[in-house]
């Protein structure tokens, strides 16, 4: 690697670290991240208490849907949360089904990524 390529690489790494360490202002109230932490953390706590961490991990995925709540009227919020919940459930189900057939794992994950990208661009 020549000297110029190394300098470009260092510059790229500095920019990426700056973007990674930047704290951006948010328009959400402080209750939203607190409730999201509870929605994802409490299922993990219950799963750890009953010595079934795998169940806790799966159920904490449902708490992540809460983060997709837009600041819109309640009817629109309910529809978007329902769509997010169905999407996460479908991705989880396709991932579990793909786990049984290792040959199909890469095509299934590619299909999920394409489908999620298309849906997210539409919404």
PDB file of N, CA and C in Angstrom:
ATOM      1  N   UNK A   1       0.855  -1.183   0.000  1.00  0.00           N
ATOM      2  CA  UNK A   1       0.000   0.000   0.000  1.00  0.00           C
ATOM      3  C   UNK A   1       0.895   1.237   0.000  1.00  0.00           C
ATOM      4  N   UNK A   2       0.606   2.165  -0.869  1.00  0.00           N
ATOM      5  CA  UNK A   2       1.427   3.360  -0.951  1.00  0.00           C
ATOM      6  C   UNK A   2       1.008   4.368   0.130  1.00  0.00           C
ATOM      7  N   UNK A   3       1.811   5.432   0.239  1.00  0.00           N
ATOM      8  CA  UNK A   3       1.619   6.421   1.299  1.00  0.00           C
ATOM      9  C   UNK A   3       0.297   7.163   1.137  1.00  0.00           C
ATOM     10  N   UNK A   4      -0.092   7.487  -0.082  1.00  0.00           N
ATOM     11  CA  UNK A   4      -1.342   8.228  -0.322  1.00  0.00           C
ATOM     12  C   UNK A   4      -2.553   7.382   0.055  1.00  0.00           C
ATOM     13  N   UNK A   5      -2.519   6.117  -0.273  1.00  0.00           N
ATOM     14  CA  UNK A   5      -3.617   5.232   0.096  1.00  0.00           C
ATOM     15  C   UNK A   5      -3.765   5.114   1.606  1.00  0.00           C
ATOM     16  N   UNK A   6      -2.634   5.094   2.322  1.00  0.00           N
ATOM     17  CA  UNK A   6      -2.674   5.011   3.782  1.00  0.00           C
ATOM     18  C   UNK A   6      -3.268   6.290   4.376  1.00  0.00           C
ATOM     19  N   UNK A   7      -2.919   7.444   3.844  1.00  0.00           N
ATOM     20  CA  UNK A   7      -3.480   8.712   4.330  1.00  0.00           C
ATOM     21  C   UNK A   7      -4.979   8.783   4.074  1.00  0.00           C
ATOM     22  N   UNK A   8      -5.422   8.311   2.920  1.00  0.00           N
ATOM     23  CA  UNK A   8      -6.865   8.287   2.631  1.00  0.00           C
ATOM     24  C   UNK A   8      -7.599   7.357   3.586  1.00  0.00           C
ATOM     25  N   UNK A   9      -6.984   6.221   3.872  1.00  0.00           N
ATOM     26  CA  UNK A   9      -7.586   5.287   4.811  1.00  0.00           C
ATOM     27  C   UNK A   9      -7.696   5.893   6.202  1.00  0.00           C
ATOM     28  N   UNK A  10      -6.645   6.573   6.664  1.00  0.00           N
ATOM     29  CA  UNK A  10      -6.688   7.222   7.978  1.00  0.00           C
ATOM     30  C   UNK A  10      -7.741   8.323   8.007  1.00  0.00           C
ATOM     31  N   UNK A  11      -7.845   9.093   6.950  1.00  0.00           N
ATOM     32  CA  UNK A  11      -8.851  10.144   6.871  1.00  0.00           C
ATOM     33  C   UNK A  11     -10.258   9.553   6.914  1.00  0.00           C
ATOM     34  N   UNK A  12     -10.464   8.478   6.182  1.00  0.00           N
ATOM     35  CA  UNK A  12     -11.761   7.800   6.210  1.00  0.00           C
ATOM     36  C   UNK A  12     -12.087   7.297   7.609  1.00  0.00           C
ATOM     37  N   UNK A  13     -11.116   6.704   8.277  1.00  0.00           N
ATOM     38  CA  UNK A  13     -11.345   6.189   9.628  1.00  0.00           C
ATOM     39  C   UNK A  13     -11.651   7.326  10.614  1.00  0.00           C
ATOM     40  N   UNK A  14     -10.975   8.459  10.485  1.00  0.00           N
ATOM     41  CA  UNK A  14     -11.252   9.606  11.352  1.00  0.00           C
ATOM     42  C   UNK A  14     -12.681  10.109  11.149  1.00  0.00           C
ATOM     43  N   UNK A  15     -13.107  10.221   9.882  1.00  0.00           N
ATOM     44  CA  UNK A  15     -14.474  10.674   9.592  1.00  0.00           C
ATOM     45  C   UNK A  15     -15.503   9.706  10.160  1.00  0.00           C
ATOM     46  N   UNK A  16     -15.257   8.415   9.970  1.00  0.00           N
ATOM     47  CA  UNK A  16     -16.210   7.422  10.476  1.00  0.00           C
ATOM     48  C   UNK A  16     -16.275   7.454  12.008  1.00  0.00           C
ATOM     49  N   UNK A  17     -15.149   7.595  12.663  1.00  0.00           N
ATOM     50  CA  UNK A  17     -15.146   7.664  14.130  1.00  0.00           C
ATOM     51  C   UNK A  17     -15.837   8.941  14.606  1.00  0.00           C
ATOM     52  N   UNK A  18     -15.685  10.022  13.876  1.00  0.00           N
ATOM     53  CA  UNK A  18     -16.361  11.261  14.234  1.00  0.00           C
ATOM     54  C   UNK A  18     -17.872  11.101  14.109  1.00  0.00           C
ATOM     55  N   UNK A  19     -18.328  10.458  13.033  1.00  0.00           N
ATOM     56  CA  UNK A  19     -19.760  10.205  12.874  1.00  0.00           C
ATOM     57  C   UNK A  19     -20.278   9.259  13.951  1.00  0.00           C
ATOM     58  N   UNK A  20     -19.459   8.290  14.326  1.00  0.00           N
ATOM     59  CA  UNK A  20     -19.865   7.321  15.335  1.00  0.00           C
ATOM     60  C   UNK A  20     -19.979   7.953  16.716  1.00  0.00           C
ATOM     61  N   UNK A  21     -19.099   8.898  17.022  1.00  0.00           N
ATOM     62  CA  UNK A  21     -19.069   9.492  18.351  1.00  0.00           C
ATOM     63  C   UNK A  21     -19.921  10.751  18.478  1.00  0.00           C
ATOM     64  N   UNK A  22     -20.534  11.214  17.404  1.00  0.00           N
ATOM     65  CA  UNK A  22     -21.349  12.423  17.443  1.00  0.00           C
ATOM     66  C   UNK A  22     -22.695  12.133  18.094  1.00  0.00           C
ATOM     67  N   UNK A  23     -23.093  12.983  19.022  1.00  0.00           N
ATOM     68  CA  UNK A  23     -24.392  12.866  19.669  1.00  0.00           C
ATOM     69  C   UNK A  23     -25.316  13.885  19.028  1.00  0.00           C
ATOM     70  N   UNK A  24     -26.371  13.403  18.393  1.00  0.00           N
ATOM     71  CA  UNK A  24     -27.316  14.276  17.708  1.00  0.00           C
ATOM     72  C   UNK A  24     -28.503  14.592  18.611  1.00  0.00           C
ATOM     73  N   UNK A  25     -29.049  15.768  18.441  1.00  0.00           N
ATOM     74  CA  UNK A  25     -30.234  16.148  19.197  1.00  0.00           C
ATOM     75  C   UNK A  25     -31.435  15.372  18.686  1.00  0.00           C
ATOM     76  N   UNK A  26     -32.360  15.075  19.569  1.00  0.00           N
ATOM     77  CA  UNK A  26     -33.546  14.311  19.199  1.00  0.00           C
ATOM     78  C   UNK A  26     -34.788  15.128  19.517  1.00  0.00           C
ATOM     79  N   UNK A  27     -35.831  14.946  18.702  1.00  0.00           N
ATOM     80  CA  UNK A  27     -37.078  15.648  18.957  1.00  0.00           C
ATOM     81  C   UNK A  27     -38.027  14.819  19.820  1.00  0.00           C
ATOM     82  N   UNK A  28     -37.597  13.653  20.259  1.00  0.00           N
ATOM     83  CA  UNK A  28     -38.443  12.811  21.107  1.00  0.00           C
ATOM     84  C   UNK A  28     -38.301  13.216  22.571  1.00  0.00           C
ATOM     85  N   UNK A  29     -39.370  12.978  23.306  1.00  0.00           N
ATOM     86  CA  UNK A  29     -39.326  13.266  24.734  1.00  0.00           C
ATOM     87  C   UNK A  29     -38.521  12.188  25.445  1.00  0.00           C
ATOM     88  N   UNK A  30     -38.073  12.459  26.656  1.00  0.00           N
ATOM     89  CA  UNK A  30     -37.199  11.529  27.358  1.00  0.00           C
ATOM     90  C   UNK A  30     -37.920  10.238  27.733  1.00  0.00           C
ATOM     91  N   UNK A  31     -39.255  10.241  27.774  1.00  0.00           N
ATOM     92  CA  UNK A  31     -39.988   9.040  28.153  1.00  0.00           C
ATOM     93  C   UNK A  31     -39.888   7.952  27.080  1.00  0.00           C
ATOM     94  N   UNK A  32     -39.745   8.351  25.836  1.00  0.00           N
ATOM     95  CA  UNK A  32     -39.718   7.374  24.736  1.00  0.00           C
ATOM     96  C   UNK A  32     -38.522   6.422  24.848  1.00  0.00           C
ATOM     97  N   UNK A  33     -37.288   6.902  24.965  1.00  0.00           N
ATOM     98  CA  UNK A  33     -36.178   5.954  25.099  1.00  0.00           C
ATOM     99  C   UNK A  33     -36.234   5.166  26.403  1.00  0.00           C
ATOM    100  N   UNK A  34     -36.752   5.773  27.451  1.00  0.00           N
ATOM    101  CA  UNK A  34     -36.884   5.065  28.724  1.00  0.00           C
ATOM    102  C   UNK A  34     -37.865   3.898  28.589  1.00  0.00           C
ATOM    103  N   UNK A  35     -39.008   4.144  27.966  1.00  0.00           N
ATOM    104  CA  UNK A  35     -39.992   3.079  27.751  1.00  0.00           C
ATOM    105  C   UNK A  35     -39.464   2.021  26.785  1.00  0.00           C
ATOM    106  N   UNK A  36     -38.695   2.426  25.789  1.00  0.00           N
ATOM    107  CA  UNK A  36     -38.110   1.456  24.861  1.00  0.00           C
ATOM    108  C   UNK A  36     -37.103   0.563  25.588  1.00  0.00           C
ATOM    109  N   UNK A  37     -36.336   1.155  26.490  1.00  0.00           N
ATOM    110  CA  UNK A  37     -35.398   0.346  27.270  1.00  0.00           C
ATOM    111  C   UNK A  37     -36.139  -0.644  28.161  1.00  0.00           C
ATOM    112  N   UNK A  38     -37.235  -0.205  28.755  1.00  0.00           N
ATOM    113  CA  UNK A  38     -38.037  -1.127  29.568  1.00  0.00           C
ATOM    114  C   UNK A  38     -38.674  -2.214  28.709  1.00  0.00           C
ATOM    115  N   UNK A  39     -39.172  -1.838  27.537  1.00  0.00           N
ATOM    116  CA  UNK A  39     -39.846  -2.798  26.662  1.00  0.00           C
ATOM    117  C   UNK A  39     -38.893  -3.870  26.148  1.00  0.00           C
ATOM    118  N   UNK A  40     -37.620  -3.549  26.005  1.00  0.00           N
ATOM    119  CA  UNK A  40     -36.668  -4.557  25.565  1.00  0.00           C
ATOM    120  C   UNK A  40     -35.937  -5.218  26.728  1.00  0.00           C
ATOM    121  N   UNK A  41     -35.780  -4.500  27.823  1.00  0.00           N
ATOM    122  CA  UNK A  41     -35.019  -5.030  28.953  1.00  0.00           C
ATOM    123  C   UNK A  41     -35.806  -5.936  29.883  1.00  0.00           C
ATOM    124  N   UNK A  42     -37.067  -5.626  30.108  1.00  0.00           N
ATOM    125  CA  UNK A  42     -37.858  -6.457  31.015  1.00  0.00           C
ATOM    126  C   UNK A  42     -38.046  -7.893  30.518  1.00  0.00           C
ATOM    127  N   UNK A  43     -38.328  -8.125  29.244  1.00  0.00           N
ATOM    128  CA  UNK A  43     -38.383  -9.528  28.800  1.00  0.00           C
ATOM    129  C   UNK A  43     -37.056 -10.269  28.986  1.00  0.00           C
ATOM    130  N   UNK A  44     -35.945  -9.577  28.801  1.00  0.00           N
ATOM    131  CA  UNK A  44     -34.649 -10.203  29.048  1.00  0.00           C
ATOM    132  C   UNK A  44     -34.474 -10.539  30.516  1.00  0.00           C
ATOM    133  N   UNK A  45     -34.920  -9.634  31.379  1.00  0.00           N
ATOM    134  CA  UNK A  45     -34.825  -9.870  32.819  1.00  0.00           C
ATOM    135  C   UNK A  45     -35.679 -11.063  33.234  1.00  0.00           C
ATOM    136  N   UNK A  46     -36.882 -11.147  32.713  1.00  0.00           N
ATOM    137  CA  UNK A  46     -37.764 -12.279  33.035  1.00  0.00           C
ATOM    138  C   UNK A  46     -37.175 -13.572  32.484  1.00  0.00           C
ATOM    139  N   UNK A  47     -36.643 -13.538  31.272  1.00  0.00           N
ATOM    140  CA  UNK A  47     -36.016 -14.726  30.696  1.00  0.00           C
ATOM    141  C   UNK A  47     -34.811 -15.182  31.498  1.00  0.00           C
ATOM    142  N   UNK A  48     -34.006 -14.237  31.980  1.00  0.00           N
ATOM    143  CA  UNK A  48     -32.847 -14.593  32.804  1.00  0.00           C
ATOM    144  C   UNK A  48     -33.295 -15.143  34.164  1.00  0.00           C
ATOM    145  N   UNK A  49     -34.360 -14.602  34.721  1.00  0.00           N
ATOM    146  CA  UNK A  49     -34.853 -15.072  36.027  1.00  0.00           C
ATOM    147  C   UNK A  49     -35.335 -16.519  35.940  1.00  0.00           C
ATOM    148  N   UNK A  50     -36.031 -16.853  34.870  1.00  0.00           N
ATOM    149  CA  UNK A  50     -36.556 -18.207  34.716  1.00  0.00           C
ATOM    150  C   UNK A  50     -35.578 -19.138  33.986  1.00  0.00           C
ATOM    151  N   UNK A  51     -34.343 -18.675  33.779  1.00  0.00           N
ATOM    152  CA  UNK A  51     -33.284 -19.463  33.158  1.00  0.00           C
ATOM    153  C   UNK A  51     -33.639 -19.908  31.731  1.00  0.00           C
ATOM    154  N   UNK A  52     -34.348 -19.028  31.019  1.00  0.00           N
ATOM    155  CA  UNK A  52     -34.661 -19.241  29.602  1.00  0.00           C
ATOM    156  C   UNK A  52     -34.329 -17.955  28.848  1.00  0.00           C
ATOM    157  N   UNK A  53     -33.040 -17.702  28.731  1.00  0.00           N
ATOM    158  CA  UNK A  53     -32.608 -16.469  28.084  1.00  0.00           C
ATOM    159  C   UNK A  53     -33.009 -16.439  26.615  1.00  0.00           C
ATOM    160  N   UNK A  54     -33.129 -17.598  25.976  1.00  0.00           N
ATOM    161  CA  UNK A  54     -33.542 -17.622  24.576  1.00  0.00           C
ATOM    162  C   UNK A  54     -34.961 -17.086  24.411  1.00  0.00           C
ATOM    163  N   UNK A  55     -35.855 -17.406  25.330  1.00  0.00           N
ATOM    164  CA  UNK A  55     -37.209 -16.853  25.275  1.00  0.00           C
ATOM    165  C   UNK A  55     -37.191 -15.347  25.522  1.00  0.00           C
ATOM    166  N   UNK A  56     -36.339 -14.914  26.432  1.00  0.00           N
ATOM    167  CA  UNK A  56     -36.228 -13.486  26.711  1.00  0.00           C
ATOM    168  C   UNK A  56     -35.721 -12.697  25.519  1.00  0.00           C
ATOM    169  N   UNK A  57     -34.765 -13.276  24.790  1.00  0.00           N
ATOM    170  CA  UNK A  57     -34.240 -12.597  23.599  1.00  0.00           C
ATOM    171  C   UNK A  57     -35.293 -12.478  22.517  1.00  0.00           C
ATOM    172  N   UNK A  58     -36.057 -13.544  22.310  1.00  0.00           N
ATOM    173  CA  UNK A  58     -37.094 -13.508  21.276  1.00  0.00           C
ATOM    174  C   UNK A  58     -38.180 -12.511  21.656  1.00  0.00           C
ATOM    175  N   UNK A  59     -38.588 -12.515  22.917  1.00  0.00           N
ATOM    176  CA  UNK A  59     -39.665 -11.610  23.313  1.00  0.00           C
ATOM    177  C   UNK A  59     -39.200 -10.160  23.384  1.00  0.00           C
ATOM    178  N   UNK A  60     -37.906  -9.914  23.568  1.00  0.00           N
ATOM    179  CA  UNK A  60     -37.432  -8.521  23.579  1.00  0.00           C
ATOM    180  C   UNK A  60     -37.461  -7.910  22.186  1.00  0.00           C
ATOM    181  N   UNK A  61     -37.506  -8.745  21.138  1.00  0.00           N
ATOM    182  CA  UNK A  61     -37.640  -8.208  19.783  1.00  0.00           C
ATOM    183  C   UNK A  61     -38.945  -7.438  19.621  1.00  0.00           C
ATOM    184  N   UNK A  62     -39.989  -7.889  20.300  1.00  0.00           N
ATOM    185  CA  UNK A  62     -41.264  -7.180  20.242  1.00  0.00           C
ATOM    186  C   UNK A  62     -41.169  -5.781  20.822  1.00  0.00           C
ATOM    187  N   UNK A  63     -40.310  -5.587  21.812  1.00  0.00           N
ATOM    188  CA  UNK A  63     -40.127  -4.262  22.388  1.00  0.00           C
ATOM    189  C   UNK A  63     -39.464  -3.289  21.442  1.00  0.00           C
ATOM    190  N   UNK A  64     -38.737  -3.802  20.466  1.00  0.00           N
ATOM    191  CA  UNK A  64     -38.081  -2.927  19.496  1.00  0.00           C
ATOM    192  C   UNK A  64     -39.074  -2.268  18.552  1.00  0.00           C
ATOM    193  N   UNK A  65     -40.250  -2.855  18.406  1.00  0.00           N
ATOM    194  CA  UNK A  65     -41.274  -2.276  17.539  1.00  0.00           C
ATOM    195  C   UNK A  65     -41.676  -0.900  18.059  1.00  0.00           C
ATOM    196  N   UNK A  66     -41.603  -0.715  19.351  1.00  0.00           N
ATOM    197  CA  UNK A  66     -41.971   0.550  19.978  1.00  0.00           C
ATOM    198  C   UNK A  66     -41.148   1.717  19.436  1.00  0.00           C
ATOM    199  N   UNK A  67     -39.945   1.450  18.996  1.00  0.00           N
ATOM    200  CA  UNK A  67     -39.073   2.526  18.494  1.00  0.00           C
ATOM    201  C   UNK A  67     -39.531   3.088  17.161  1.00  0.00           C
ATOM    202  N   UNK A  68     -40.393   2.375  16.450  1.00  0.00           N
ATOM    203  CA  UNK A  68     -40.852   2.812  15.136  1.00  0.00           C
ATOM    204  C   UNK A  68     -42.126   3.644  15.205  1.00  0.00           C
ATOM    205  N   UNK A  69     -42.525   4.068  16.389  1.00  0.00           N
ATOM    206  CA  UNK A  69     -43.744   4.861  16.535  1.00  0.00           C
ATOM    207  C   UNK A  69     -43.484   6.299  16.057  1.00  0.00           C
ATOM    208  N   UNK A  70     -44.132   6.725  14.986  1.00  0.00           N
ATOM    209  CA  UNK A  70     -43.944   8.099  14.509  1.00  0.00           C
ATOM    210  C   UNK A  70     -44.770   9.077  15.349  1.00  0.00           C
ATOM    211  N   UNK A  71     -44.447  10.321  15.246  1.00  0.00           N
ATOM    212  CA  UNK A  71     -45.170  11.370  15.968  1.00  0.00           C
ATOM    213  C   UNK A  71     -46.319  11.867  15.093  1.00  0.00           C
ATOM    214  N   UNK A  72     -47.341  11.027  14.938  1.00  0.00           N
ATOM    215  CA  UNK A  72     -48.500  11.305  14.092  1.00  0.00           C
ATOM    216  C   UNK A  72     -49.765  10.992  14.886  1.00  0.00           C
ATOM    217  N   UNK A  73     -50.948  11.205  14.296  1.00  0.00           N
ATOM    218  CA  UNK A  73     -52.180  10.841  15.015  1.00  0.00           C
ATOM    219  C   UNK A  73     -52.216   9.352  15.380  1.00  0.00           C
ATOM    220  N   UNK A  74     -53.020   9.033  16.374  1.00  0.00           N
ATOM    221  CA  UNK A  74     -53.049   7.686  16.927  1.00  0.00           C
ATOM    222  C   UNK A  74     -53.397   6.627  15.891  1.00  0.00           C
ATOM    223  N   UNK A  75     -54.317   6.921  14.983  1.00  0.00           N
ATOM    224  CA  UNK A  75     -54.704   5.922  13.984  1.00  0.00           C
ATOM    225  C   UNK A  75     -53.528   5.555  13.071  1.00  0.00           C
ATOM    226  N   UNK A  76     -52.762   6.539  12.649  1.00  0.00           N
ATOM    227  CA  UNK A  76     -51.588   6.270  11.804  1.00  0.00           C
ATOM    228  C   UNK A  76     -50.507   5.546  12.598  1.00  0.00           C
ATOM    229  N   UNK A  77     -50.338   5.928  13.860  1.00  0.00           N
ATOM    230  CA  UNK A  77     -49.345   5.283  14.710  1.00  0.00           C
ATOM    231  C   UNK A  77     -49.662   3.799  14.904  1.00  0.00           C
ATOM    232  N   UNK A  78     -50.939   3.489  15.112  1.00  0.00           N
ATOM    233  CA  UNK A  78     -51.345   2.091  15.305  1.00  0.00           C
ATOM    234  C   UNK A  78     -51.082   1.266  14.050  1.00  0.00           C
ATOM    235  N   UNK A  79     -51.369   1.826  12.899  1.00  0.00           N
ATOM    236  CA  UNK A  79     -51.140   1.100  11.646  1.00  0.00           C
ATOM    237  C   UNK A  79     -49.652   0.879  11.422  1.00  0.00           C
ATOM    238  N   UNK A  80     -48.831   1.890  11.678  1.00  0.00           N
ATOM    239  CA  UNK A  80     -47.391   1.727  11.455  1.00  0.00           C
ATOM    240  C   UNK A  80     -46.785   0.746  12.452  1.00  0.00           C
ATOM    241  N   UNK A  81     -47.253   0.765  13.704  1.00  0.00           N
ATOM    242  CA  UNK A  81     -46.751  -0.206  14.673  1.00  0.00           C
ATOM    243  C   UNK A  81     -47.193  -1.624  14.322  1.00  0.00           C
ATOM    244  N   UNK A  82     -48.412  -1.770  13.817  1.00  0.00           N
ATOM    245  CA  UNK A  82     -48.885  -3.078  13.400  1.00  0.00           C
ATOM    246  C   UNK A  82     -48.044  -3.596  12.229  1.00  0.00           C
ATOM    247  N   UNK A  83     -47.762  -2.735  11.269  1.00  0.00           N
ATOM    248  CA  UNK A  83     -46.947  -3.139  10.125  1.00  0.00           C
ATOM    249  C   UNK A  83     -45.528  -3.501  10.571  1.00  0.00           C
ATOM    250  N   UNK A  84     -44.969  -2.732  11.502  1.00  0.00           N
ATOM    251  CA  UNK A  84     -43.632  -3.043  12.014  1.00  0.00           C
ATOM    252  C   UNK A  84     -43.621  -4.373  12.754  1.00  0.00           C
ATOM    253  N   UNK A  85     -44.657  -4.621  13.554  1.00  0.00           N
ATOM    254  CA  UNK A  85     -44.728  -5.882  14.295  1.00  0.00           C
ATOM    255  C   UNK A  85     -44.861  -7.067  13.341  1.00  0.00           C
ATOM    256  N   UNK A  86     -45.712  -6.935  12.320  1.00  0.00           N
ATOM    257  CA  UNK A  86     -45.844  -8.016  11.342  1.00  0.00           C
ATOM    258  C   UNK A  86     -44.535  -8.224  10.589  1.00  0.00           C
ATOM    259  N   UNK A  87     -43.865  -7.138  10.256  1.00  0.00           N
ATOM    260  CA  UNK A  87     -42.589  -7.250   9.547  1.00  0.00           C
ATOM    261  C   UNK A  87     -41.523  -7.942  10.376  1.00  0.00           C
ATOM    262  N   UNK A  88     -41.425  -7.579  11.649  1.00  0.00           N
ATOM    263  CA  UNK A  88     -40.435  -8.229  12.512  1.00  0.00           C
ATOM    264  C   UNK A  88     -40.778  -9.700  12.727  1.00  0.00           C
ATOM    265  N   UNK A  89     -42.065  -9.993  12.879  1.00  0.00           N
ATOM    266  CA  UNK A  89     -42.475 -11.393  13.045  1.00  0.00           C
ATOM    267  C   UNK A  89     -42.172 -12.200  11.795  1.00  0.00           C
ATOM    268  N   UNK A  90     -42.440 -11.619  10.631  1.00  0.00           N
ATOM    269  CA  UNK A  90     -42.165 -12.321   9.375  1.00  0.00           C
ATOM    270  C   UNK A  90     -40.663 -12.546   9.188  1.00  0.00           C
ATOM    271  N   UNK A  91     -39.856 -11.546   9.503  1.00  0.00           N
ATOM    272  CA  UNK A  91     -38.408 -11.710   9.372  1.00  0.00           C
ATOM    273  C   UNK A  91     -37.892 -12.789  10.313  1.00  0.00           C
ATOM    274  N   UNK A  92     -38.416 -12.798  11.536  1.00  0.00           N
ATOM    275  CA  UNK A  92     -38.003 -13.823  12.493  1.00  0.00           C
ATOM    276  C   UNK A  92     -38.425 -15.211  12.012  1.00  0.00           C
ATOM    277  N   UNK A  93     -39.656 -15.331  11.536  1.00  0.00           N
ATOM    278  CA  UNK A  93     -40.151 -16.632  11.071  1.00  0.00           C
ATOM    279  C   UNK A  93     -39.346 -17.121   9.863  1.00  0.00           C
ATOM    280  N   UNK A  94     -39.058 -16.240   8.911  1.00  0.00           N
ATOM    281  CA  UNK A  94     -38.259 -16.643   7.744  1.00  0.00           C
ATOM    282  C   UNK A  94     -36.837 -17.023   8.148  1.00  0.00           C
ATOM    283  N   UNK A  95     -36.287 -16.306   9.120  1.00  0.00           N
ATOM    284  CA  UNK A  95     -34.955 -16.645   9.610  1.00  0.00           C
ATOM    285  C   UNK A  95     -34.921 -18.002  10.294  1.00  0.00           C
ATOM    286  N   UNK A  96     -35.950 -18.307  11.087  1.00  0.00           N
ATOM    287  CA  UNK A  96     -36.012 -19.609  11.748  1.00  0.00           C
ATOM    288  C   UNK A  96     -36.208 -20.724  10.727  1.00  0.00           C
ATOM    289  N   UNK A  97     -37.063 -20.497   9.734  1.00  0.00           N
ATOM    290  CA  UNK A  97     -37.267 -21.510   8.703  1.00  0.00           C
ATOM    291  C   UNK A  97     -35.998 -21.707   7.861  1.00  0.00           C
ATOM    292  N   UNK A  98     -35.281 -20.644   7.605  1.00  0.00           N
ATOM    293  CA  UNK A  98     -34.036 -20.756   6.854  1.00  0.00           C
ATOM    294  C   UNK A  98     -32.946 -21.467   7.636  1.00  0.00           C
ATOM    295  N   UNK A  99     -33.057 -21.472   8.943  1.00  0.00           N
ATOM    296  CA  UNK A  99     -32.069 -22.135   9.787  1.00  0.00           C
ATOM    297  C   UNK A  99     -32.087 -23.648   9.590  1.00  0.00           C
ATOM    298  N   UNK A 100     -33.225 -24.199   9.238  1.00  0.00           N
ATOM    299  CA  UNK A 100     -33.337 -25.639   9.063  1.00  0.00           C
ATOM    300  C   UNK A 100     -32.727 -26.110   7.746  1.00  0.00           C
ATOM    301  N   UNK A 101     -32.584 -25.213   6.786  1.00  0.00           N
ATOM    302  CA  UNK A 101     -32.006 -25.555   5.485  1.00  0.00           C
ATOM    303  C   UNK A 101     -30.810 -24.647   5.228  1.00  0.00           C
ATOM    304  N   UNK A 102     -29.614 -25.031   5.683  1.00  0.00           N
ATOM    305  CA  UNK A 102     -28.443 -24.155   5.556  1.00  0.00           C
ATOM    306  C   UNK A 102     -28.130 -23.745   4.122  1.00  0.00           C
ATOM    307  N   UNK A 103     -28.507 -24.566   3.145  1.00  0.00           N
ATOM    308  CA  UNK A 103     -28.244 -24.216   1.750  1.00  0.00           C
ATOM    309  C   UNK A 103     -29.071 -23.000   1.337  1.00  0.00           C
ATOM    310  N   UNK A 104     -30.265 -22.873   1.896  1.00  0.00           N
ATOM    311  CA  UNK A 104     -31.163 -21.775   1.535  1.00  0.00           C
ATOM    312  C   UNK A 104     -30.995 -20.540   2.421  1.00  0.00           C
ATOM    313  N   UNK A 105     -30.069 -20.572   3.367  1.00  0.00           N
ATOM    314  CA  UNK A 105     -29.938 -19.470   4.320  1.00  0.00           C
ATOM    315  C   UNK A 105     -29.578 -18.147   3.639  1.00  0.00           C
ATOM    316  N   UNK A 106     -28.623 -18.177   2.729  1.00  0.00           N
ATOM    317  CA  UNK A 106     -28.214 -16.939   2.047  1.00  0.00           C
ATOM    318  C   UNK A 106     -29.328 -16.395   1.152  1.00  0.00           C
ATOM    319  N   UNK A 107     -29.996 -17.213   0.334  1.00  0.00           N
ATOM    320  CA  UNK A 107     -31.101 -16.660  -0.462  1.00  0.00           C
ATOM    321  C   UNK A 107     -32.249 -16.130   0.401  1.00  0.00           C
ATOM    322  N   UNK A 108     -32.543 -16.802   1.504  1.00  0.00           N
ATOM    323  CA  UNK A 108     -33.620 -16.328   2.383  1.00  0.00           C
ATOM    324  C   UNK A 108     -33.252 -14.984   2.991  1.00  0.00           C
ATOM    325  N   UNK A 109     -32.018 -14.848   3.462  1.00  0.00           N
ATOM    326  CA  UNK A 109     -31.593 -13.564   4.037  1.00  0.00           C
ATOM    327  C   UNK A 109     -31.559 -12.464   2.979  1.00  0.00           C
ATOM    328  N   UNK A 110     -31.150 -12.795   1.775  1.00  0.00           N
ATOM    329  CA  UNK A 110     -31.170 -11.804   0.696  1.00  0.00           C
ATOM    330  C   UNK A 110     -32.597 -11.385   0.379  1.00  0.00           C
ATOM    331  N   UNK A 111     -33.521 -12.342   0.349  1.00  0.00           N
ATOM    332  CA  UNK A 111     -34.930 -12.031   0.106  1.00  0.00           C
ATOM    333  C   UNK A 111     -35.484 -11.126   1.208  1.00  0.00           C
ATOM    334  N   UNK A 112     -35.153 -11.433   2.462  1.00  0.00           N
ATOM    335  CA  UNK A 112     -35.616 -10.597   3.581  1.00  0.00           C
ATOM    336  C   UNK A 112     -35.065  -9.182   3.447  1.00  0.00           C
ATOM    337  N   UNK A 113     -33.776  -9.056   3.129  1.00  0.00           N
ATOM    338  CA  UNK A 113     -33.165  -7.730   3.005  1.00  0.00           C
ATOM    339  C   UNK A 113     -33.793  -6.931   1.872  1.00  0.00           C
ATOM    340  N   UNK A 114     -34.041  -7.575   0.745  1.00  0.00           N
ATOM    341  CA  UNK A 114     -34.663  -6.880  -0.385  1.00  0.00           C
ATOM    342  C   UNK A 114     -36.082  -6.451  -0.038  1.00  0.00           C
ATOM    343  N   UNK A 115     -36.836  -7.355   0.569  1.00  0.00           N
ATOM    344  CA  UNK A 115     -38.222  -7.050   0.920  1.00  0.00           C
ATOM    345  C   UNK A 115     -38.310  -5.923   1.952  1.00  0.00           C
ATOM    346  N   UNK A 116     -37.469  -5.975   2.963  1.00  0.00           N
ATOM    347  CA  UNK A 116     -37.478  -4.924   3.988  1.00  0.00           C
ATOM    348  C   UNK A 116     -37.063  -3.583   3.391  1.00  0.00           C
ATOM    349  N   UNK A 117     -36.068  -3.584   2.506  1.00  0.00           N
ATOM    350  CA  UNK A 117     -35.660  -2.333   1.869  1.00  0.00           C
ATOM    351  C   UNK A 117     -36.783  -1.737   1.027  1.00  0.00           C
ATOM    352  N   UNK A 118     -37.502  -2.602   0.293  1.00  0.00           N
ATOM    353  CA  UNK A 118     -38.596  -2.109  -0.521  1.00  0.00           C
ATOM    354  C   UNK A 118     -39.721  -1.542   0.341  1.00  0.00           C
ATOM    355  N   UNK A 119     -40.057  -2.214   1.417  1.00  0.00           N
ATOM    356  CA  UNK A 119     -41.128  -1.751   2.288  1.00  0.00           C
ATOM    357  C   UNK A 119     -40.741  -0.455   2.987  1.00  0.00           C
ATOM    358  N   UNK A 120     -39.496  -0.371   3.452  1.00  0.00           N
ATOM    359  CA  UNK A 120     -39.056   0.850   4.148  1.00  0.00           C
ATOM    360  C   UNK A 120     -39.007   2.045   3.203  1.00  0.00           C
ATOM    361  N   UNK A 121     -38.657   1.836   1.972  1.00  0.00           N
ATOM    362  CA  UNK A 121     -38.654   2.941   0.999  1.00  0.00           C
ATOM    363  C   UNK A 121     -40.086   3.374   0.652  1.00  0.00           C
ATOM    364  N   UNK A 122     -41.011   2.422   0.690  1.00  0.00           N
ATOM    365  CA  UNK A 122     -42.404   2.743   0.378  1.00  0.00           C
ATOM    366  C   UNK A 122     -43.043   3.566   1.485  1.00  0.00           C
ATOM    367  N   UNK A 123     -42.698   3.258   2.725  1.00  0.00           N
ATOM    368  CA  UNK A 123     -43.337   3.939   3.864  1.00  0.00           C
ATOM    369  C   UNK A 123     -42.662   5.226   4.097  1.00  0.00           C
TER     370      UNK A 123
END
